[in-house]
């Protein structure tokens, strides 16, 4: 797996620190991390986001954070 997409529930701002740590770890493992537009904005990575449909087309796997009420 070379590319992981991240989708973060923007109403769960308290999880952004957890997500940043995971992004850092993935990057250290030479795994490319892509974001949808909302997640990029939440994580302070404006300009790095893309529409969710495009994200799905470019990734091997997508991680969703905060989608079920938990981090």
PDB file of N, CA and C in Angstrom:
ATOM      1  N   UNK A   1       0.853  -1.169   0.000  1.00  0.00           N
ATOM      2  CA  UNK A   1       0.000   0.000   0.000  1.00  0.00           C
ATOM      3  C   UNK A   1       0.900   1.234   0.000  1.00  0.00           C
ATOM      4  N   UNK A   2       0.701   2.085  -0.987  1.00  0.00           N
ATOM      5  CA  UNK A   2       1.564   3.254  -1.120  1.00  0.00           C
ATOM      6  C   UNK A   2       0.867   4.576  -0.848  1.00  0.00           C
ATOM      7  N   UNK A   3      -0.457   4.615  -0.997  1.00  0.00           N
ATOM      8  CA  UNK A   3      -1.181   5.872  -0.839  1.00  0.00           C
ATOM      9  C   UNK A   3      -2.426   5.654   0.003  1.00  0.00           C
ATOM     10  N   UNK A   4      -2.546   6.458   1.057  1.00  0.00           N
ATOM     11  CA  UNK A   4      -3.713   6.396   1.938  1.00  0.00           C
ATOM     12  C   UNK A   4      -4.403   7.748   1.907  1.00  0.00           C
ATOM     13  N   UNK A   5      -5.702   7.711   1.790  1.00  0.00           N
ATOM     14  CA  UNK A   5      -6.496   8.927   1.858  1.00  0.00           C
ATOM     15  C   UNK A   5      -7.075   9.081   3.251  1.00  0.00           C
ATOM     16  N   UNK A   6      -7.182  10.321   3.704  1.00  0.00           N
ATOM     17  CA  UNK A   6      -7.769  10.589   5.012  1.00  0.00           C
ATOM     18  C   UNK A   6      -9.000  11.463   4.868  1.00  0.00           C
ATOM     19  N   UNK A   7     -10.062  11.032   5.522  1.00  0.00           N
ATOM     20  CA  UNK A   7     -11.289  11.811   5.609  1.00  0.00           C
ATOM     21  C   UNK A   7     -11.574  11.965   7.098  1.00  0.00           C
ATOM     22  N   UNK A   8     -11.628  13.209   7.555  1.00  0.00           N
ATOM     23  CA  UNK A   8     -11.820  13.495   8.972  1.00  0.00           C
ATOM     24  C   UNK A   8     -13.137  14.231   9.147  1.00  0.00           C
ATOM     25  N   UNK A   9     -13.941  13.775  10.088  1.00  0.00           N
ATOM     26  CA  UNK A   9     -15.197  14.439  10.402  1.00  0.00           C
ATOM     27  C   UNK A   9     -14.867  15.815  10.972  1.00  0.00           C
ATOM     28  N   UNK A  10     -15.199  16.863  10.237  1.00  0.00           N
ATOM     29  CA  UNK A  10     -14.809  18.216  10.633  1.00  0.00           C
ATOM     30  C   UNK A  10     -15.503  18.698  11.902  1.00  0.00           C
ATOM     31  N   UNK A  11     -16.569  18.040  12.314  1.00  0.00           N
ATOM     32  CA  UNK A  11     -17.224  18.438  13.561  1.00  0.00           C
ATOM     33  C   UNK A  11     -16.524  17.839  14.773  1.00  0.00           C
ATOM     34  N   UNK A  12     -15.504  17.031  14.540  1.00  0.00           N
ATOM     35  CA  UNK A  12     -14.751  16.393  15.619  1.00  0.00           C
ATOM     36  C   UNK A  12     -13.347  16.994  15.682  1.00  0.00           C
ATOM     37  N   UNK A  13     -13.260  18.299  15.841  1.00  0.00           N
ATOM     38  CA  UNK A  13     -11.975  18.988  15.836  1.00  0.00           C
ATOM     39  C   UNK A  13     -10.981  18.458  16.848  1.00  0.00           C
ATOM     40  N   UNK A  14     -11.471  17.864  17.938  1.00  0.00           N
ATOM     41  CA  UNK A  14     -10.571  17.366  18.975  1.00  0.00           C
ATOM     42  C   UNK A  14      -9.740  16.175  18.516  1.00  0.00           C
ATOM     43  N   UNK A  15     -10.080  15.579  17.395  1.00  0.00           N
ATOM     44  CA  UNK A  15      -9.290  14.432  16.932  1.00  0.00           C
ATOM     45  C   UNK A  15      -8.152  14.843  16.008  1.00  0.00           C
ATOM     46  N   UNK A  16      -8.066  16.120  15.670  1.00  0.00           N
ATOM     47  CA  UNK A  16      -7.053  16.538  14.703  1.00  0.00           C
ATOM     48  C   UNK A  16      -5.632  16.245  15.182  1.00  0.00           C
ATOM     49  N   UNK A  17      -5.354  16.328  16.487  1.00  0.00           N
ATOM     50  CA  UNK A  17      -4.011  16.003  16.980  1.00  0.00           C
ATOM     51  C   UNK A  17      -3.685  14.531  16.755  1.00  0.00           C
ATOM     52  N   UNK A  18      -4.659  13.662  16.970  1.00  0.00           N
ATOM     53  CA  UNK A  18      -4.455  12.227  16.724  1.00  0.00           C
ATOM     54  C   UNK A  18      -4.160  11.985  15.241  1.00  0.00           C
ATOM     55  N   UNK A  19      -4.927  12.639  14.402  1.00  0.00           N
ATOM     56  CA  UNK A  19      -4.753  12.458  12.959  1.00  0.00           C
ATOM     57  C   UNK A  19      -3.381  12.966  12.525  1.00  0.00           C
ATOM     58  N   UNK A  20      -2.953  14.095  13.058  1.00  0.00           N
ATOM     59  CA  UNK A  20      -1.627  14.628  12.702  1.00  0.00           C
ATOM     60  C   UNK A  20      -0.517  13.636  13.060  1.00  0.00           C
ATOM     61  N   UNK A  21      -0.650  12.978  14.205  1.00  0.00           N
ATOM     62  CA  UNK A  21       0.360  11.984  14.598  1.00  0.00           C
ATOM     63  C   UNK A  21       0.367  10.803  13.630  1.00  0.00           C
ATOM     64  N   UNK A  22      -0.809  10.374  13.223  1.00  0.00           N
ATOM     65  CA  UNK A  22      -0.897   9.262  12.270  1.00  0.00           C
ATOM     66  C   UNK A  22      -0.308   9.676  10.924  1.00  0.00           C
ATOM     67  N   UNK A  23      -0.606  10.885  10.477  1.00  0.00           N
ATOM     68  CA  UNK A  23      -0.051  11.378   9.208  1.00  0.00           C
ATOM     69  C   UNK A  23       1.471  11.402   9.287  1.00  0.00           C
ATOM     70  N   UNK A  24       1.998  11.864  10.393  1.00  0.00           N
ATOM     71  CA  UNK A  24       3.452  11.906  10.572  1.00  0.00           C
ATOM     72  C   UNK A  24       4.044  10.500  10.497  1.00  0.00           C
ATOM     73  N   UNK A  25       3.422   9.555  11.191  1.00  0.00           N
ATOM     74  CA  UNK A  25       3.922   8.177  11.188  1.00  0.00           C
ATOM     75  C   UNK A  25       3.847   7.573   9.789  1.00  0.00           C
ATOM     76  N   UNK A  26       2.728   7.762   9.111  1.00  0.00           N
ATOM     77  CA  UNK A  26       2.583   7.220   7.758  1.00  0.00           C
ATOM     78  C   UNK A  26       3.651   7.788   6.829  1.00  0.00           C
ATOM     79  N   UNK A  27       3.891   9.077   6.945  1.00  0.00           N
ATOM     80  CA  UNK A  27       4.905   9.724   6.113  1.00  0.00           C
ATOM     81  C   UNK A  27       6.288   9.143   6.401  1.00  0.00           C
ATOM     82  N   UNK A  28       6.582   8.890   7.670  1.00  0.00           N
ATOM     83  CA  UNK A  28       7.866   8.273   8.034  1.00  0.00           C
ATOM     84  C   UNK A  28       8.007   6.875   7.433  1.00  0.00           C
ATOM     85  N   UNK A  29       6.889   6.215   7.178  1.00  0.00           N
ATOM     86  CA  UNK A  29       6.901   4.876   6.583  1.00  0.00           C
ATOM     87  C   UNK A  29       6.903   4.938   5.050  1.00  0.00           C
ATOM     88  N   UNK A  30       7.099   6.132   4.515  1.00  0.00           N
ATOM     89  CA  UNK A  30       7.097   6.364   3.062  1.00  0.00           C
ATOM     90  C   UNK A  30       5.756   6.047   2.418  1.00  0.00           C
ATOM     91  N   UNK A  31       4.700   6.317   3.150  1.00  0.00           N
ATOM     92  CA  UNK A  31       3.349   6.158   2.623  1.00  0.00           C
ATOM     93  C   UNK A  31       2.820   7.550   2.310  1.00  0.00           C
ATOM     94  N   UNK A  32       2.367   7.725   1.094  1.00  0.00           N
ATOM     95  CA  UNK A  32       1.817   9.011   0.672  1.00  0.00           C
ATOM     96  C   UNK A  32       0.434   9.174   1.288  1.00  0.00           C
ATOM     97  N   UNK A  33       0.173  10.351   1.838  1.00  0.00           N
ATOM     98  CA  UNK A  33      -1.113  10.637   2.468  1.00  0.00           C
ATOM     99  C   UNK A  33      -1.787  11.768   1.699  1.00  0.00           C
ATOM    100  N   UNK A  34      -3.016  11.515   1.289  1.00  0.00           N
ATOM    101  CA  UNK A  34      -3.818  12.515   0.592  1.00  0.00           C
ATOM    102  C   UNK A  34      -5.046  12.838   1.437  1.00  0.00           C
ATOM    103  N   UNK A  35      -5.634  14.003   1.199  1.00  0.00           N
ATOM    104  CA  UNK A  35      -6.756  14.473   2.010  1.00  0.00           C
ATOM    105  C   UNK A  35      -7.891  14.957   1.124  1.00  0.00           C
ATOM    106  N   UNK A  36      -9.121  14.805   1.621  1.00  0.00           N
ATOM    107  CA  UNK A  36     -10.201  15.509   0.943  1.00  0.00           C
ATOM    108  C   UNK A  36     -10.126  16.970   1.380  1.00  0.00           C
ATOM    109  N   UNK A  37     -10.866  17.829   0.727  1.00  0.00           N
ATOM    110  CA  UNK A  37     -10.751  19.270   0.977  1.00  0.00           C
ATOM    111  C   UNK A  37     -11.058  19.650   2.422  1.00  0.00           C
ATOM    112  N   UNK A  38     -12.111  19.085   2.981  1.00  0.00           N
ATOM    113  CA  UNK A  38     -12.507  19.431   4.348  1.00  0.00           C
ATOM    114  C   UNK A  38     -11.454  18.998   5.363  1.00  0.00           C
ATOM    115  N   UNK A  39     -10.901  17.816   5.166  1.00  0.00           N
ATOM    116  CA  UNK A  39      -9.886  17.309   6.095  1.00  0.00           C
ATOM    117  C   UNK A  39      -8.610  18.129   6.008  1.00  0.00           C
ATOM    118  N   UNK A  40      -8.214  18.487   4.807  1.00  0.00           N
ATOM    119  CA  UNK A  40      -7.016  19.308   4.634  1.00  0.00           C
ATOM    120  C   UNK A  40      -7.183  20.642   5.364  1.00  0.00           C
ATOM    121  N   UNK A  41      -8.349  21.252   5.238  1.00  0.00           N
ATOM    122  CA  UNK A  41      -8.595  22.526   5.915  1.00  0.00           C
ATOM    123  C   UNK A  41      -8.552  22.358   7.433  1.00  0.00           C
ATOM    124  N   UNK A  42      -9.166  21.300   7.940  1.00  0.00           N
ATOM    125  CA  UNK A  42      -9.187  21.042   9.380  1.00  0.00           C
ATOM    126  C   UNK A  42      -7.778  20.853   9.933  1.00  0.00           C
ATOM    127  N   UNK A  43      -6.916  20.242   9.143  1.00  0.00           N
ATOM    128  CA  UNK A  43      -5.554  19.945   9.587  1.00  0.00           C
ATOM    129  C   UNK A  43      -4.560  21.048   9.244  1.00  0.00           C
ATOM    130  N   UNK A  44      -5.059  22.164   8.720  1.00  0.00           N
ATOM    131  CA  UNK A  44      -4.177  23.280   8.383  1.00  0.00           C
ATOM    132  C   UNK A  44      -3.338  23.023   7.147  1.00  0.00           C
ATOM    133  N   UNK A  45      -3.849  22.205   6.241  1.00  0.00           N
ATOM    134  CA  UNK A  45      -3.106  21.860   5.025  1.00  0.00           C
ATOM    135  C   UNK A  45      -3.874  22.340   3.798  1.00  0.00           C
ATOM    136  N   UNK A  46      -4.333  23.594   3.863  1.00  0.00           N
ATOM    137  CA  UNK A  46      -5.077  24.168   2.754  1.00  0.00           C
ATOM    138  C   UNK A  46      -4.263  24.042   1.472  1.00  0.00           C
ATOM    139  N   UNK A  47      -4.958  23.791   0.398  1.00  0.00           N
ATOM    140  CA  UNK A  47      -4.292  23.637  -0.886  1.00  0.00           C
ATOM    141  C   UNK A  47      -3.869  22.206  -1.170  1.00  0.00           C
ATOM    142  N   UNK A  48      -3.883  21.341  -0.151  1.00  0.00           N
ATOM    143  CA  UNK A  48      -3.502  19.943  -0.353  1.00  0.00           C
ATOM    144  C   UNK A  48      -4.713  19.040  -0.544  1.00  0.00           C
ATOM    145  N   UNK A  49      -5.907  19.564  -0.296  1.00  0.00           N
ATOM    146  CA  UNK A  49      -7.107  18.743  -0.380  1.00  0.00           C
ATOM    147  C   UNK A  49      -7.637  18.615  -1.792  1.00  0.00           C
ATOM    148  N   UNK A  50      -8.478  17.622  -1.973  1.00  0.00           N
ATOM    149  CA  UNK A  50      -9.107  17.373  -3.267  1.00  0.00           C
ATOM    150  C   UNK A  50     -10.526  16.886  -3.024  1.00  0.00           C
ATOM    151  N   UNK A  51     -11.372  16.949  -4.043  1.00  0.00           N
ATOM    152  CA  UNK A  51     -12.724  16.415  -3.872  1.00  0.00           C
ATOM    153  C   UNK A  51     -12.666  14.946  -3.444  1.00  0.00           C
ATOM    154  N   UNK A  52     -13.614  14.544  -2.625  1.00  0.00           N
ATOM    155  CA  UNK A  52     -13.614  13.185  -2.084  1.00  0.00           C
ATOM    156  C   UNK A  52     -13.626  12.131  -3.188  1.00  0.00           C
ATOM    157  N   UNK A  53     -14.365  12.358  -4.245  1.00  0.00           N
ATOM    158  CA  UNK A  53     -14.401  11.390  -5.357  1.00  0.00           C
ATOM    159  C   UNK A  53     -13.005  11.223  -5.970  1.00  0.00           C
ATOM    160  N   UNK A  54     -12.293  12.313  -6.143  1.00  0.00           N
ATOM    161  CA  UNK A  54     -10.930  12.254  -6.684  1.00  0.00           C
ATOM    162  C   UNK A  54     -10.016  11.518  -5.715  1.00  0.00           C
ATOM    163  N   UNK A  55     -10.174  11.796  -4.432  1.00  0.00           N
ATOM    164  CA  UNK A  55      -9.386  11.117  -3.401  1.00  0.00           C
ATOM    165  C   UNK A  55      -9.562   9.605  -3.515  1.00  0.00           C
ATOM    166  N   UNK A  56     -10.796   9.170  -3.654  1.00  0.00           N
ATOM    167  CA  UNK A  56     -11.085   7.736  -3.747  1.00  0.00           C
ATOM    168  C   UNK A  56     -10.411   7.101  -4.965  1.00  0.00           C
ATOM    169  N   UNK A  57     -10.310   7.840  -6.031  1.00  0.00           N
ATOM    170  CA  UNK A  57      -9.691   7.316  -7.252  1.00  0.00           C
ATOM    171  C   UNK A  57      -8.172   7.214  -7.142  1.00  0.00           C
ATOM    172  N   UNK A  58      -7.558   8.012  -6.276  1.00  0.00           N
ATOM    173  CA  UNK A  58      -6.096   8.088  -6.201  1.00  0.00           C
ATOM    174  C   UNK A  58      -5.484   7.259  -5.075  1.00  0.00           C
ATOM    175  N   UNK A  59      -6.311   6.667  -4.218  1.00  0.00           N
ATOM    176  CA  UNK A  59      -5.793   5.997  -3.024  1.00  0.00           C
ATOM    177  C   UNK A  59      -5.988   4.489  -3.067  1.00  0.00           C
ATOM    178  N   UNK A  60      -5.086   3.797  -2.378  1.00  0.00           N
ATOM    179  CA  UNK A  60      -5.225   2.358  -2.195  1.00  0.00           C
ATOM    180  C   UNK A  60      -6.198   2.048  -1.062  1.00  0.00           C
ATOM    181  N   UNK A  61      -6.301   2.978  -0.129  1.00  0.00           N
ATOM    182  CA  UNK A  61      -7.117   2.781   1.070  1.00  0.00           C
ATOM    183  C   UNK A  61      -7.518   4.159   1.590  1.00  0.00           C
ATOM    184  N   UNK A  62      -8.690   4.247   2.199  1.00  0.00           N
ATOM    185  CA  UNK A  62      -9.118   5.503   2.818  1.00  0.00           C
ATOM    186  C   UNK A  62      -9.424   5.242   4.284  1.00  0.00           C
ATOM    187  N   UNK A  63      -8.854   6.075   5.152  1.00  0.00           N
ATOM    188  CA  UNK A  63      -9.140   6.018   6.590  1.00  0.00           C
ATOM    189  C   UNK A  63     -10.140   7.125   6.901  1.00  0.00           C
ATOM    190  N   UNK A  64     -11.189   6.775   7.627  1.00  0.00           N
ATOM    191  CA  UNK A  64     -12.196   7.755   8.025  1.00  0.00           C
ATOM    192  C   UNK A  64     -12.125   7.902   9.537  1.00  0.00           C
ATOM    193  N   UNK A  65     -11.943   9.138   9.991  1.00  0.00           N
ATOM    194  CA  UNK A  65     -11.823   9.427  11.421  1.00  0.00           C
ATOM    195  C   UNK A  65     -13.061  10.164  11.906  1.00  0.00           C
ATOM    196  N   UNK A  66     -13.640   9.674  12.990  1.00  0.00           N
ATOM    197  CA  UNK A  66     -14.767  10.349  13.612  1.00  0.00           C
ATOM    198  C   UNK A  66     -16.086  10.109  12.909  1.00  0.00           C
ATOM    199  N   UNK A  67     -16.155   9.126  12.059  1.00  0.00           N
ATOM    200  CA  UNK A  67     -17.382   8.866  11.316  1.00  0.00           C
ATOM    201  C   UNK A  67     -18.465   8.189  12.129  1.00  0.00           C
ATOM    202  N   UNK A  68     -18.068   7.501  13.204  1.00  0.00           N
ATOM    203  CA  UNK A  68     -19.069   6.780  13.989  1.00  0.00           C
ATOM    204  C   UNK A  68     -19.167   7.307  15.420  1.00  0.00           C
ATOM    205  N   UNK A  69     -18.636   8.499  15.637  1.00  0.00           N
ATOM    206  CA  UNK A  69     -18.714   9.085  16.968  1.00  0.00           C
ATOM    207  C   UNK A  69     -17.510   8.794  17.843  1.00  0.00           C
ATOM    208  N   UNK A  70     -16.505   8.107  17.302  1.00  0.00           N
ATOM    209  CA  UNK A  70     -15.288   7.824  18.063  1.00  0.00           C
ATOM    210  C   UNK A  70     -14.084   8.280  17.261  1.00  0.00           C
ATOM    211  N   UNK A  71     -12.931   8.372  17.924  1.00  0.00           N
ATOM    212  CA  UNK A  71     -11.726   8.712  17.168  1.00  0.00           C
ATOM    213  C   UNK A  71     -10.996   7.477  16.816  1.00  0.00           C
TER     214      UNK A  71
END
